[in-house]
Structures are given as structure tokens and as C-alpha cells.
Amino acid sequence: MIPGSYYEKAVAWAIGQGITKGTTEETFSPNDTVTRAQVVTFLHRAAGEPEAKEGAPAFADVAQSAYYCGAVRWAAGEGITAGVDATHFAPAAPCTRAQIVTFLYRAEK
């Protein structure tokens, strides 16, 4: 993170709230591409990490052991995401700006 950058306070807030962590103990990597899994994980943490609704969709490409599994199930159960098709979420795919604002819009209802 660059001291004095436009994102410095926002990143410090997000880290302080437990919404995100750095890419290492010493770095944040503000210019890295964000994946679909990372975005729904940020939203899930910002919402207080609620449990997924009973019967929330599971996706074939989201392993139960993945750090983002609970976040993806929660987001799907809340209608924040429907996946890229009926059985896939594409967790490692880059999250476009359009997808991010759509997730935010749906999360805020």
C-alpha cells in the first residue's frame, strides 16, 4: 500500500474490519485482479459472515474445503450470485466491474 494513496484509508478500514487481508503479511497488491471468489468473500465478511440459507445452491467447481465455500453458498442463497451457469461459479475467474456492481446491488437489495 502506498502511504497517501487515494485507497489508503479504505484499505486500512477494510483490513481493520476483517473484510480483507493483504496478499502477504506486508503487502496488499492494490493493482491485482480480483477473483469472483474474493469478491463474494469480501461481501460475506462485510455482512458479518452469516450462514448460508438451508438449501442454498452448491456449485460443482467450489470445493467444500475452499476458503470461499461458505461465502459462495451464502451469496447464492441470498440471490447475490447465481453463478456463471446452473452448476458453476467460476471462483478463479476475474470479477469484472459489472459483476462487482451487480453483486453490490443485489447485496443491498
PDB file of N, CA and C in Angstrom:
ATOM      1  N   MET A   1       0.857  -1.171   0.000  1.00  0.00           N
ATOM      2  CA  MET A   1       0.000   0.000   0.000  1.00  0.00           C
ATOM      3  C   MET A   1       0.900   1.230   0.000  1.00  0.00           C
ATOM      4  N   ILE A   2       0.518   2.215  -0.743  1.00  0.00           N
ATOM      5  CA  ILE A   2       1.309   3.435  -0.850  1.00  0.00           C
ATOM      6  C   ILE A   2       0.736   4.480   0.106  1.00  0.00           C
ATOM      7  N   PRO A   3       1.540   4.911   1.086  1.00  0.00           N
ATOM      8  CA  PRO A   3       1.058   5.952   2.000  1.00  0.00           C
ATOM      9  C   PRO A   3       0.622   7.195   1.226  1.00  0.00           C
ATOM     10  N   GLY A   4      -0.549   7.717   1.569  1.00  0.00           N
ATOM     11  CA  GLY A   4      -1.080   8.897   0.904  1.00  0.00           C
ATOM     12  C   GLY A   4      -1.872   8.602  -0.358  1.00  0.00           C
ATOM     13  N   SER A   5      -1.957   7.333  -0.749  1.00  0.00           N
ATOM     14  CA  SER A   5      -2.713   6.985  -1.950  1.00  0.00           C
ATOM     15  C   SER A   5      -4.207   7.170  -1.703  1.00  0.00           C
ATOM     16  N   TYR A   6      -4.970   7.289  -2.782  1.00  0.00           N
ATOM     17  CA  TYR A   6      -6.414   7.512  -2.651  1.00  0.00           C
ATOM     18  C   TYR A   6      -7.111   6.358  -1.942  1.00  0.00           C
ATOM     19  N   TYR A   7      -6.546   5.167  -1.981  1.00  0.00           N
ATOM     20  CA  TYR A   7      -7.178   3.991  -1.389  1.00  0.00           C
ATOM     21  C   TYR A   7      -6.651   3.644   0.005  1.00  0.00           C
ATOM     22  N   GLU A   8      -5.666   4.386   0.506  1.00  0.00           N
ATOM     23  CA  GLU A   8      -5.021   4.038   1.773  1.00  0.00           C
ATOM     24  C   GLU A   8      -6.028   3.893   2.916  1.00  0.00           C
ATOM     25  N   LYS A   9      -6.899   4.871   3.117  1.00  0.00           N
ATOM     26  CA  LYS A   9      -7.857   4.813   4.229  1.00  0.00           C
ATOM     27  C   LYS A   9      -8.877   3.693   4.032  1.00  0.00           C
ATOM     28  N   ALA A  10      -9.310   3.490   2.798  1.00  0.00           N
ATOM     29  CA  ALA A  10     -10.290   2.430   2.520  1.00  0.00           C
ATOM     30  C   ALA A  10      -9.685   1.050   2.792  1.00  0.00           C
ATOM     31  N   VAL A  11      -8.450   0.841   2.379  1.00  0.00           N
ATOM     32  CA  VAL A  11      -7.791  -0.437   2.614  1.00  0.00           C
ATOM     33  C   VAL A  11      -7.573  -0.653   4.106  1.00  0.00           C
ATOM     34  N   ALA A  12      -7.123   0.376   4.810  1.00  0.00           N
ATOM     35  CA  ALA A  12      -6.928   0.260   6.254  1.00  0.00           C
ATOM     36  C   ALA A  12      -8.245  -0.068   6.948  1.00  0.00           C
ATOM     37  N   TRP A  13      -9.331   0.574   6.522  1.00  0.00           N
ATOM     38  CA  TRP A  13     -10.651   0.282   7.087  1.00  0.00           C
ATOM     39  C   TRP A  13     -11.045  -1.171   6.824  1.00  0.00           C
ATOM     40  N   ALA A  14     -10.914  -1.622   5.569  1.00  0.00           N
ATOM     41  CA  ALA A  14     -11.316  -2.991   5.203  1.00  0.00           C
ATOM     42  C   ALA A  14     -10.496  -4.033   5.962  1.00  0.00           C
ATOM     43  N   ILE A  15      -9.216  -3.789   6.120  1.00  0.00           N
ATOM     44  CA  ILE A  15      -8.379  -4.712   6.886  1.00  0.00           C
ATOM     45  C   ILE A  15      -8.792  -4.677   8.356  1.00  0.00           C
ATOM     46  N   GLY A  16      -9.006  -3.487   8.890  1.00  0.00           N
ATOM     47  CA  GLY A  16      -9.429  -3.350  10.279  1.00  0.00           C
ATOM     48  C   GLY A  16     -10.764  -4.006  10.577  1.00  0.00           C
ATOM     49  N   GLN A  17     -11.658  -4.034   9.587  1.00  0.00           N
ATOM     50  CA  GLN A  17     -12.975  -4.646   9.749  1.00  0.00           C
ATOM     51  C   GLN A  17     -12.949  -6.153   9.488  1.00  0.00           C
ATOM     52  N   GLY A  18     -11.808  -6.675   9.050  1.00  0.00           N
ATOM     53  CA  GLY A  18     -11.697  -8.093   8.742  1.00  0.00           C
ATOM     54  C   GLY A  18     -12.323  -8.470   7.407  1.00  0.00           C
ATOM     55  N   ILE A  19     -12.568  -7.500   6.549  1.00  0.00           N
ATOM     56  CA  ILE A  19     -13.183  -7.751   5.247  1.00  0.00           C
ATOM     57  C   ILE A  19     -12.165  -8.321   4.270  1.00  0.00           C
ATOM     58  N   THR A  20     -10.945  -7.885   4.373  1.00  0.00           N
ATOM     59  CA  THR A  20      -9.875  -8.381   3.523  1.00  0.00           C
ATOM     60  C   THR A  20      -8.595  -8.458   4.331  1.00  0.00           C
ATOM     61  N   LYS A  21      -7.630  -9.119   3.756  1.00  0.00           N
ATOM     62  CA  LYS A  21      -6.290  -9.212   4.319  1.00  0.00           C
ATOM     63  C   LYS A  21      -5.335  -8.808   3.213  1.00  0.00           C
ATOM     64  N   GLY A  22      -4.079  -8.735   3.531  1.00  0.00           N
ATOM     65  CA  GLY A  22      -3.095  -8.463   2.500  1.00  0.00           C
ATOM     66  C   GLY A  22      -2.831  -9.705   1.676  1.00  0.00           C
ATOM     67  N   THR A  23      -2.113  -9.535   0.602  1.00  0.00           N
ATOM     68  CA  THR A  23      -1.727 -10.687  -0.211  1.00  0.00           C
ATOM     69  C   THR A  23      -0.553 -11.421   0.428  1.00  0.00           C
ATOM     70  N   THR A  24       0.163 -10.723   1.322  1.00  0.00           N
ATOM     71  CA  THR A  24       1.161 -11.318   2.214  1.00  0.00           C
ATOM     72  C   THR A  24       1.039 -10.548   3.523  1.00  0.00           C
ATOM     73  N   GLU A  25       1.881 -10.849   4.473  1.00  0.00           N
ATOM     74  CA  GLU A  25       1.870 -10.127   5.748  1.00  0.00           C
ATOM     75  C   GLU A  25       2.233  -8.650   5.576  1.00  0.00           C
ATOM     76  N   GLU A  26       3.024  -8.324   4.551  1.00  0.00           N
ATOM     77  CA  GLU A  26       3.498  -6.960   4.351  1.00  0.00           C
ATOM     78  C   GLU A  26       2.919  -6.246   3.136  1.00  0.00           C
ATOM     79  N   THR A  27       2.170  -6.932   2.276  1.00  0.00           N
ATOM     80  CA  THR A  27       1.694  -6.296   1.056  1.00  0.00           C
ATOM     81  C   THR A  27       0.180  -6.437   0.898  1.00  0.00           C
ATOM     82  N   PHE A  28      -0.396  -5.524   0.114  1.00  0.00           N
ATOM     83  CA  PHE A  28      -1.821  -5.568  -0.195  1.00  0.00           C
ATOM     84  C   PHE A  28      -2.083  -5.833  -1.677  1.00  0.00           C
ATOM     85  N   SER A  29      -1.216  -5.414  -2.546  1.00  0.00           N
ATOM     86  CA  SER A  29      -1.327  -5.602  -4.003  1.00  0.00           C
ATOM     87  C   SER A  29      -2.580  -4.941  -4.573  1.00  0.00           C
ATOM     88  N   PRO A  30      -2.689  -3.622  -4.448  1.00  0.00           N
ATOM     89  CA  PRO A  30      -3.898  -2.911  -4.863  1.00  0.00           C
ATOM     90  C   PRO A  30      -4.218  -2.986  -6.349  1.00  0.00           C
ATOM     91  N   ASN A  31      -3.248  -3.293  -7.175  1.00  0.00           N
ATOM     92  CA  ASN A  31      -3.494  -3.341  -8.614  1.00  0.00           C
ATOM     93  C   ASN A  31      -3.719  -4.757  -9.142  1.00  0.00           C
ATOM     94  N   ASP A  32      -3.747  -5.743  -8.255  1.00  0.00           N
ATOM     95  CA  ASP A  32      -4.023  -7.113  -8.685  1.00  0.00           C
ATOM     96  C   ASP A  32      -5.475  -7.251  -9.121  1.00  0.00           C
ATOM     97  N   THR A  33      -5.718  -8.203 -10.002  1.00  0.00           N
ATOM     98  CA  THR A  33      -7.072  -8.543 -10.409  1.00  0.00           C
ATOM     99  C   THR A  33      -7.749  -9.293  -9.269  1.00  0.00           C
ATOM    100  N   VAL A  34      -9.021  -9.027  -9.068  1.00  0.00           N
ATOM    101  CA  VAL A  34      -9.787  -9.672  -8.002  1.00  0.00           C
ATOM    102  C   VAL A  34     -10.628 -10.784  -8.631  1.00  0.00           C
ATOM    103  N   THR A  35     -10.665 -11.944  -7.965  1.00  0.00           N
ATOM    104  CA  THR A  35     -11.454 -13.066  -8.478  1.00  0.00           C
ATOM    105  C   THR A  35     -12.892 -13.001  -7.952  1.00  0.00           C
ATOM    106  N   ARG A  36     -13.746 -13.768  -8.604  1.00  0.00           N
ATOM    107  CA  ARG A  36     -15.143 -13.861  -8.160  1.00  0.00           C
ATOM    108  C   ARG A  36     -15.215 -14.384  -6.720  1.00  0.00           C
ATOM    109  N   ALA A  37     -14.357 -15.342  -6.384  1.00  0.00           N
ATOM    110  CA  ALA A  37     -14.341 -15.882  -5.022  1.00  0.00           C
ATOM    111  C   ALA A  37     -13.956 -14.799  -4.012  1.00  0.00           C
ATOM    112  N   GLN A  38     -12.975 -13.986  -4.342  1.00  0.00           N
ATOM    113  CA  GLN A  38     -12.541 -12.935  -3.430  1.00  0.00           C
ATOM    114  C   GLN A  38     -13.648 -11.904  -3.209  1.00  0.00           C
ATOM    115  N   VAL A  39     -14.335 -11.520  -4.266  1.00  0.00           N
ATOM    116  CA  VAL A  39     -15.382 -10.501  -4.129  1.00  0.00           C
ATOM    117  C   VAL A  39     -16.514 -10.993  -3.232  1.00  0.00           C
ATOM    118  N   VAL A  40     -17.004 -12.210  -3.456  1.00  0.00           N
ATOM    119  CA  VAL A  40     -18.092 -12.675  -2.588  1.00  0.00           C
ATOM    120  C   VAL A  40     -17.600 -12.896  -1.163  1.00  0.00           C
ATOM    121  N   THR A  41     -16.321 -13.220  -1.002  1.00  0.00           N
ATOM    122  CA  THR A  41     -15.761 -13.343   0.349  1.00  0.00           C
ATOM    123  C   THR A  41     -15.736 -11.987   1.041  1.00  0.00           C
ATOM    124  N   PHE A  42     -15.359 -10.931   0.332  1.00  0.00           N
ATOM    125  CA  PHE A  42     -15.394  -9.580   0.907  1.00  0.00           C
ATOM    126  C   PHE A  42     -16.815  -9.233   1.349  1.00  0.00           C
ATOM    127  N   LEU A  43     -17.786  -9.489   0.480  1.00  0.00           N
ATOM    128  CA  LEU A  43     -19.187  -9.177   0.807  1.00  0.00           C
ATOM    129  C   LEU A  43     -19.678  -9.984   2.004  1.00  0.00           C
ATOM    130  N   HIS A  44     -19.329 -11.249   2.036  1.00  0.00           N
ATOM    131  CA  HIS A  44     -19.729 -12.134   3.130  1.00  0.00           C
ATOM    132  C   HIS A  44     -19.164 -11.643   4.462  1.00  0.00           C
ATOM    133  N   ARG A  45     -17.896 -11.302   4.467  1.00  0.00           N
ATOM    134  CA  ARG A  45     -17.273 -10.786   5.690  1.00  0.00           C
ATOM    135  C   ARG A  45     -17.895  -9.451   6.100  1.00  0.00           C
ATOM    136  N   ALA A  46     -18.170  -8.582   5.130  1.00  0.00           N
ATOM    137  CA  ALA A  46     -18.788  -7.277   5.441  1.00  0.00           C
ATOM    138  C   ALA A  46     -20.179  -7.456   6.038  1.00  0.00           C
ATOM    139  N   ALA A  47     -20.857  -8.542   5.671  1.00  0.00           N
ATOM    140  CA  ALA A  47     -22.199  -8.829   6.190  1.00  0.00           C
ATOM    141  C   ALA A  47     -22.155  -9.533   7.547  1.00  0.00           C
ATOM    142  N   GLY A  48     -20.953  -9.801   8.059  1.00  0.00           N
ATOM    143  CA  GLY A  48     -20.826 -10.455   9.350  1.00  0.00           C
ATOM    144  C   GLY A  48     -20.694 -11.964   9.271  1.00  0.00           C
ATOM    145  N   GLU A  49     -20.401 -12.487   8.103  1.00  0.00           N
ATOM    146  CA  GLU A  49     -20.206 -13.911   7.845  1.00  0.00           C
ATOM    147  C   GLU A  49     -21.408 -14.779   8.262  1.00  0.00           C
ATOM    148  N   PRO A  50     -22.595 -14.412   7.796  1.00  0.00           N
ATOM    149  CA  PRO A  50     -23.770 -15.215   8.131  1.00  0.00           C
ATOM    150  C   PRO A  50     -23.721 -16.598   7.473  1.00  0.00           C
ATOM    151  N   GLU A  51     -24.434 -17.533   8.059  1.00  0.00           N
ATOM    152  CA  GLU A  51     -24.536 -18.875   7.500  1.00  0.00           C
ATOM    153  C   GLU A  51     -25.377 -18.832   6.222  1.00  0.00           C
ATOM    154  N   ALA A  52     -25.108 -19.759   5.326  1.00  0.00           N
ATOM    155  CA  ALA A  52     -25.913 -19.890   4.112  1.00  0.00           C
ATOM    156  C   ALA A  52     -27.296 -20.411   4.483  1.00  0.00           C
ATOM    157  N   LYS A  53     -28.286 -20.004   3.733  1.00  0.00           N
ATOM    158  CA  LYS A  53     -29.643 -20.497   3.937  1.00  0.00           C
ATOM    159  C   LYS A  53     -29.704 -21.992   3.665  1.00  0.00           C
ATOM    160  N   GLU A  54     -30.593 -22.673   4.364  1.00  0.00           N
ATOM    161  CA  GLU A  54     -30.828 -24.093   4.106  1.00  0.00           C
ATOM    162  C   GLU A  54     -31.202 -24.267   2.635  1.00  0.00           C
ATOM    163  N   GLY A  55     -30.559 -25.203   1.981  1.00  0.00           N
ATOM    164  CA  GLY A  55     -30.845 -25.458   0.574  1.00  0.00           C
ATOM    165  C   GLY A  55     -30.174 -24.501  -0.390  1.00  0.00           C
ATOM    166  N   ALA A  56     -29.245 -23.659   0.106  1.00  0.00           N
ATOM    167  CA  ALA A  56     -28.526 -22.743  -0.791  1.00  0.00           C
ATOM    168  C   ALA A  56     -27.782 -23.550  -1.844  1.00  0.00           C
ATOM    169  N   PRO A  57     -27.738 -23.066  -3.053  1.00  0.00           N
ATOM    170  CA  PRO A  57     -27.081 -23.817  -4.125  1.00  0.00           C
ATOM    171  C   PRO A  57     -25.614 -24.111  -3.832  1.00  0.00           C
ATOM    172  N   ALA A  58     -25.177 -25.257  -4.291  1.00  0.00           N
ATOM    173  CA  ALA A  58     -23.759 -25.618  -4.258  1.00  0.00           C
ATOM    174  C   ALA A  58     -23.309 -25.698  -5.715  1.00  0.00           C
ATOM    175  N   PHE A  59     -22.078 -25.378  -5.958  1.00  0.00           N
ATOM    176  CA  PHE A  59     -21.552 -25.381  -7.314  1.00  0.00           C
ATOM    177  C   PHE A  59     -20.484 -26.464  -7.459  1.00  0.00           C
ATOM    178  N   ALA A  60     -20.465 -27.129  -8.601  1.00  0.00           N
ATOM    179  CA  ALA A  60     -19.532 -28.225  -8.857  1.00  0.00           C
ATOM    180  C   ALA A  60     -18.072 -27.783  -8.773  1.00  0.00           C
ATOM    181  N   ASP A  61     -17.795 -26.514  -9.031  1.00  0.00           N
ATOM    182  CA  ASP A  61     -16.414 -26.028  -9.030  1.00  0.00           C
ATOM    183  C   ASP A  61     -16.024 -25.306  -7.741  1.00  0.00           C
ATOM    184  N   VAL A  62     -16.822 -25.488  -6.676  1.00  0.00           N
ATOM    185  CA  VAL A  62     -16.497 -24.901  -5.372  1.00  0.00           C
ATOM    186  C   VAL A  62     -16.352 -26.045  -4.369  1.00  0.00           C
ATOM    187  N   ALA A  63     -15.114 -26.354  -4.032  1.00  0.00           N
ATOM    188  CA  ALA A  63     -14.833 -27.436  -3.087  1.00  0.00           C
ATOM    189  C   ALA A  63     -15.305 -27.054  -1.687  1.00  0.00           C
ATOM    190  N   GLN A  64     -15.808 -28.027  -0.963  1.00  0.00           N
ATOM    191  CA  GLN A  64     -16.253 -27.793   0.418  1.00  0.00           C
ATOM    192  C   GLN A  64     -15.115 -27.252   1.273  1.00  0.00           C
ATOM    193  N   SER A  65     -13.886 -27.608   0.958  1.00  0.00           N
ATOM    194  CA  SER A  65     -12.729 -27.185   1.747  1.00  0.00           C
ATOM    195  C   SER A  65     -12.184 -25.815   1.347  1.00  0.00           C
ATOM    196  N   ALA A  66     -12.712 -25.216   0.294  1.00  0.00           N
ATOM    197  CA  ALA A  66     -12.212 -23.917  -0.178  1.00  0.00           C
ATOM    198  C   ALA A  66     -12.551 -22.824   0.829  1.00  0.00           C
ATOM    199  N   TYR A  67     -11.644 -21.885   1.026  1.00  0.00           N
ATOM    200  CA  TYR A  67     -11.865 -20.803   1.981  1.00  0.00           C
ATOM    201  C   TYR A  67     -13.125 -20.007   1.658  1.00  0.00           C
ATOM    202  N   TYR A  68     -13.522 -19.975   0.418  1.00  0.00           N
ATOM    203  CA  TYR A  68     -14.650 -19.172  -0.035  1.00  0.00           C
ATOM    204  C   TYR A  68     -15.963 -19.946  -0.132  1.00  0.00           C
ATOM    205  N   CYS A  69     -15.960 -21.230   0.199  1.00  0.00           N
ATOM    206  CA  CYS A  69     -17.160 -22.058   0.029  1.00  0.00           C
ATOM    207  C   CYS A  69     -18.368 -21.486   0.772  1.00  0.00           C
ATOM    208  N   GLY A  70     -18.206 -21.147   2.034  1.00  0.00           N
ATOM    209  CA  GLY A  70     -19.323 -20.592   2.804  1.00  0.00           C
ATOM    210  C   GLY A  70     -19.813 -19.277   2.236  1.00  0.00           C
ATOM    211  N   ALA A  71     -18.884 -18.450   1.766  1.00  0.00           N
ATOM    212  CA  ALA A  71     -19.256 -17.160   1.188  1.00  0.00           C
ATOM    213  C   ALA A  71     -20.043 -17.343  -0.104  1.00  0.00           C
ATOM    214  N   VAL A  72     -19.612 -18.277  -0.938  1.00  0.00           N
ATOM    215  CA  VAL A  72     -20.304 -18.527  -2.201  1.00  0.00           C
ATOM    216  C   VAL A  72     -21.699 -19.089  -1.934  1.00  0.00           C
ATOM    217  N   ARG A  73     -21.810 -20.040  -1.020  1.00  0.00           N
ATOM    218  CA  ARG A  73     -23.128 -20.610  -0.696  1.00  0.00           C
ATOM    219  C   ARG A  73     -24.052 -19.536  -0.140  1.00  0.00           C
ATOM    220  N   TRP A  74     -23.519 -18.673   0.736  1.00  0.00           N
ATOM    221  CA  TRP A  74     -24.318 -17.579   1.294  1.00  0.00           C
ATOM    222  C   TRP A  74     -24.773 -16.635   0.186  1.00  0.00           C
ATOM    223  N   ALA A  75     -23.843 -16.222  -0.674  1.00  0.00           N
ATOM    224  CA  ALA A  75     -24.177 -15.284  -1.749  1.00  0.00           C
ATOM    225  C   ALA A  75     -25.211 -15.885  -2.699  1.00  0.00           C
ATOM    226  N   ALA A  76     -25.079 -17.156  -3.016  1.00  0.00           N
ATOM    227  CA  ALA A  76     -26.055 -17.808  -3.897  1.00  0.00           C
ATOM    228  C   ALA A  76     -27.415 -17.908  -3.208  1.00  0.00           C
ATOM    229  N   GLY A  77     -27.414 -18.237  -1.934  1.00  0.00           N
ATOM    230  CA  GLY A  77     -28.667 -18.345  -1.190  1.00  0.00           C
ATOM    231  C   GLY A  77     -29.391 -17.024  -1.024  1.00  0.00           C
ATOM    232  N   GLU A  78     -28.634 -15.936  -1.023  1.00  0.00           N
ATOM    233  CA  GLU A  78     -29.213 -14.594  -0.883  1.00  0.00           C
ATOM    234  C   GLU A  78     -29.578 -13.974  -2.226  1.00  0.00           C
ATOM    235  N   GLY A  79     -29.268 -14.666  -3.321  1.00  0.00           N
ATOM    236  CA  GLY A  79     -29.555 -14.126  -4.644  1.00  0.00           C
ATOM    237  C   GLY A  79     -28.533 -13.106  -5.117  1.00  0.00           C
ATOM    238  N   ILE A  80     -27.392 -13.045  -4.452  1.00  0.00           N
ATOM    239  CA  ILE A  80     -26.336 -12.109  -4.845  1.00  0.00           C
ATOM    240  C   ILE A  80     -25.637 -12.604  -6.100  1.00  0.00           C
ATOM    241  N   THR A  81     -25.504 -13.906  -6.213  1.00  0.00           N
ATOM    242  CA  THR A  81     -24.954 -14.520  -7.422  1.00  0.00           C
ATOM    243  C   THR A  81     -25.768 -15.755  -7.762  1.00  0.00           C
ATOM    244  N   ALA A  82     -25.837 -16.043  -9.030  1.00  0.00           N
ATOM    245  CA  ALA A  82     -26.481 -17.276  -9.491  1.00  0.00           C
ATOM    246  C   ALA A  82     -25.432 -18.167 -10.137  1.00  0.00           C
ATOM    247  N   GLY A  83     -24.170 -17.760 -10.087  1.00  0.00           N
ATOM    248  CA  GLY A  83     -23.117 -18.496 -10.758  1.00  0.00           C
ATOM    249  C   GLY A  83     -23.049 -18.097 -12.223  1.00  0.00           C
ATOM    250  N   VAL A  84     -22.095 -18.696 -12.916  1.00  0.00           N
ATOM    251  CA  VAL A  84     -21.962 -18.409 -14.344  1.00  0.00           C
ATOM    252  C   VAL A  84     -22.892 -19.302 -15.159  1.00  0.00           C
ATOM    253  N   ASP A  85     -23.344 -20.381 -14.548  1.00  0.00           N
ATOM    254  CA  ASP A  85     -24.418 -21.225 -15.087  1.00  0.00           C
ATOM    255  C   ASP A  85     -25.028 -21.957 -13.891  1.00  0.00           C
ATOM    256  N   ALA A  86     -25.913 -22.876 -14.127  1.00  0.00           N
ATOM    257  CA  ALA A  86     -26.640 -23.532 -13.038  1.00  0.00           C
ATOM    258  C   ALA A  86     -25.757 -24.354 -12.104  1.00  0.00           C
ATOM    259  N   THR A  87     -24.605 -24.805 -12.564  1.00  0.00           N
ATOM    260  CA  THR A  87     -23.773 -25.671 -11.733  1.00  0.00           C
ATOM    261  C   THR A  87     -22.352 -25.173 -11.498  1.00  0.00           C
ATOM    262  N   HIS A  88     -21.999 -23.992 -12.014  1.00  0.00           N
ATOM    263  CA  HIS A  88     -20.630 -23.488 -11.874  1.00  0.00           C
ATOM    264  C   HIS A  88     -20.618 -22.035 -11.409  1.00  0.00           C
ATOM    265  N   PHE A  89     -19.653 -21.751 -10.543  1.00  0.00           N
ATOM    266  CA  PHE A  89     -19.461 -20.395 -10.035  1.00  0.00           C
ATOM    267  C   PHE A  89     -18.267 -19.699 -10.682  1.00  0.00           C
ATOM    268  N   ALA A  90     -17.268 -20.435 -11.118  1.00  0.00           N
ATOM    269  CA  ALA A  90     -16.027 -19.889 -11.698  1.00  0.00           C
ATOM    270  C   ALA A  90     -15.280 -19.033 -10.676  1.00  0.00           C
ATOM    271  N   PRO A  91     -14.912 -19.625  -9.535  1.00  0.00           N
ATOM    272  CA  PRO A  91     -14.297 -18.851  -8.452  1.00  0.00           C
ATOM    273  C   PRO A  91     -12.988 -18.163  -8.812  1.00  0.00           C
ATOM    274  N   ALA A  92     -12.196 -18.743  -9.693  1.00  0.00           N
ATOM    275  CA  ALA A  92     -10.898 -18.152 -10.042  1.00  0.00           C
ATOM    276  C   ALA A  92     -10.979 -17.149 -11.183  1.00  0.00           C
ATOM    277  N   ALA A  93     -12.150 -17.004 -11.786  1.00  0.00           N
ATOM    278  CA  ALA A  93     -12.292 -16.062 -12.889  1.00  0.00           C
ATOM    279  C   ALA A  93     -12.194 -14.625 -12.375  1.00  0.00           C
ATOM    280  N   PRO A  94     -11.611 -13.740 -13.167  1.00  0.00           N
ATOM    281  CA  PRO A  94     -11.574 -12.333 -12.767  1.00  0.00           C
ATOM    282  C   PRO A  94     -12.998 -11.798 -12.621  1.00  0.00           C
ATOM    283  N   CYS A  95     -13.199 -10.970 -11.646  1.00  0.00           N
ATOM    284  CA  CYS A  95     -14.511 -10.371 -11.440  1.00  0.00           C
ATOM    285  C   CYS A  95     -14.525  -9.020 -12.145  1.00  0.00           C
ATOM    286  N   THR A  96     -15.400  -8.888 -13.095  1.00  0.00           N
ATOM    287  CA  THR A  96     -15.476  -7.642 -13.851  1.00  0.00           C
ATOM    288  C   THR A  96     -16.117  -6.548 -12.993  1.00  0.00           C
ATOM    289  N   ARG A  97     -15.927  -5.326 -13.425  1.00  0.00           N
ATOM    290  CA  ARG A  97     -16.571  -4.203 -12.728  1.00  0.00           C
ATOM    291  C   ARG A  97     -18.085  -4.366 -12.756  1.00  0.00           C
ATOM    292  N   ALA A  98     -18.620  -4.844 -13.866  1.00  0.00           N
ATOM    293  CA  ALA A  98     -20.064  -5.056 -13.966  1.00  0.00           C
ATOM    294  C   ALA A  98     -20.540  -6.103 -12.969  1.00  0.00           C
ATOM    295  N   GLN A  99     -19.779  -7.183 -12.820  1.00  0.00           N
ATOM    296  CA  GLN A  99     -20.156  -8.210 -11.845  1.00  0.00           C
ATOM    297  C   GLN A  99     -20.094  -7.657 -10.425  1.00  0.00           C
ATOM    298  N   ILE A 100     -19.068  -6.885 -10.133  1.00  0.00           N
ATOM    299  CA  ILE A 100     -18.925  -6.330  -8.785  1.00  0.00           C
ATOM    300  C   ILE A 100     -20.097  -5.420  -8.446  1.00  0.00           C
ATOM    301  N   VAL A 101     -20.457  -4.515  -9.328  1.00  0.00           N
ATOM    302  CA  VAL A 101     -21.569  -3.622  -9.005  1.00  0.00           C
ATOM    303  C   VAL A 101     -22.891  -4.389  -8.948  1.00  0.00           C
ATOM    304  N   THR A 102     -23.015  -5.449  -9.749  1.00  0.00           N
ATOM    305  CA  THR A 102     -24.224  -6.268  -9.671  1.00  0.00           C
ATOM    306  C   THR A 102     -24.283  -6.987  -8.332  1.00  0.00           C
ATOM    307  N   PHE A 103     -23.175  -7.556  -7.879  1.00  0.00           N
ATOM    308  CA  PHE A 103     -23.145  -8.197  -6.557  1.00  0.00           C
ATOM    309  C   PHE A 103     -23.495  -7.189  -5.462  1.00  0.00           C
ATOM    310  N   LEU A 104     -22.926  -5.988  -5.541  1.00  0.00           N
ATOM    311  CA  LEU A 104     -23.213  -4.960  -4.541  1.00  0.00           C
ATOM    312  C   LEU A 104     -24.694  -4.570  -4.552  1.00  0.00           C
ATOM    313  N   TYR A 105     -25.231  -4.372  -5.743  1.00  0.00           N
ATOM    314  CA  TYR A 105     -26.637  -4.008  -5.896  1.00  0.00           C
ATOM    315  C   TYR A 105     -27.542  -5.076  -5.287  1.00  0.00           C
ATOM    316  N   ARG A 106     -27.275  -6.314  -5.612  1.00  0.00           N
ATOM    317  CA  ARG A 106     -28.097  -7.400  -5.081  1.00  0.00           C
ATOM    318  C   ARG A 106     -27.914  -7.561  -3.569  1.00  0.00           C
ATOM    319  N   ALA A 107     -26.698  -7.363  -3.080  1.00  0.00           N
ATOM    320  CA  ALA A 107     -26.444  -7.484  -1.645  1.00  0.00           C
ATOM    321  C   ALA A 107     -27.189  -6.413  -0.852  1.00  0.00           C
ATOM    322  N   GLU A 108     -27.325  -5.241  -1.442  1.00  0.00           N
ATOM    323  CA  GLU A 108     -28.029  -4.145  -0.778  1.00  0.00           C
ATOM    324  C   GLU A 108     -29.527  -4.197  -1.007  1.00  0.00           C
ATOM    325  N   LYS A 109     -29.965  -5.140  -1.817  1.00  0.00           N
ATOM    326  CA  LYS A 109     -31.388  -5.366  -2.155  1.00  0.00           C
ATOM    327  C   LYS A 109     -31.953  -4.150  -2.863  1.00  0.00           C
TER     328      LYS A 109
END
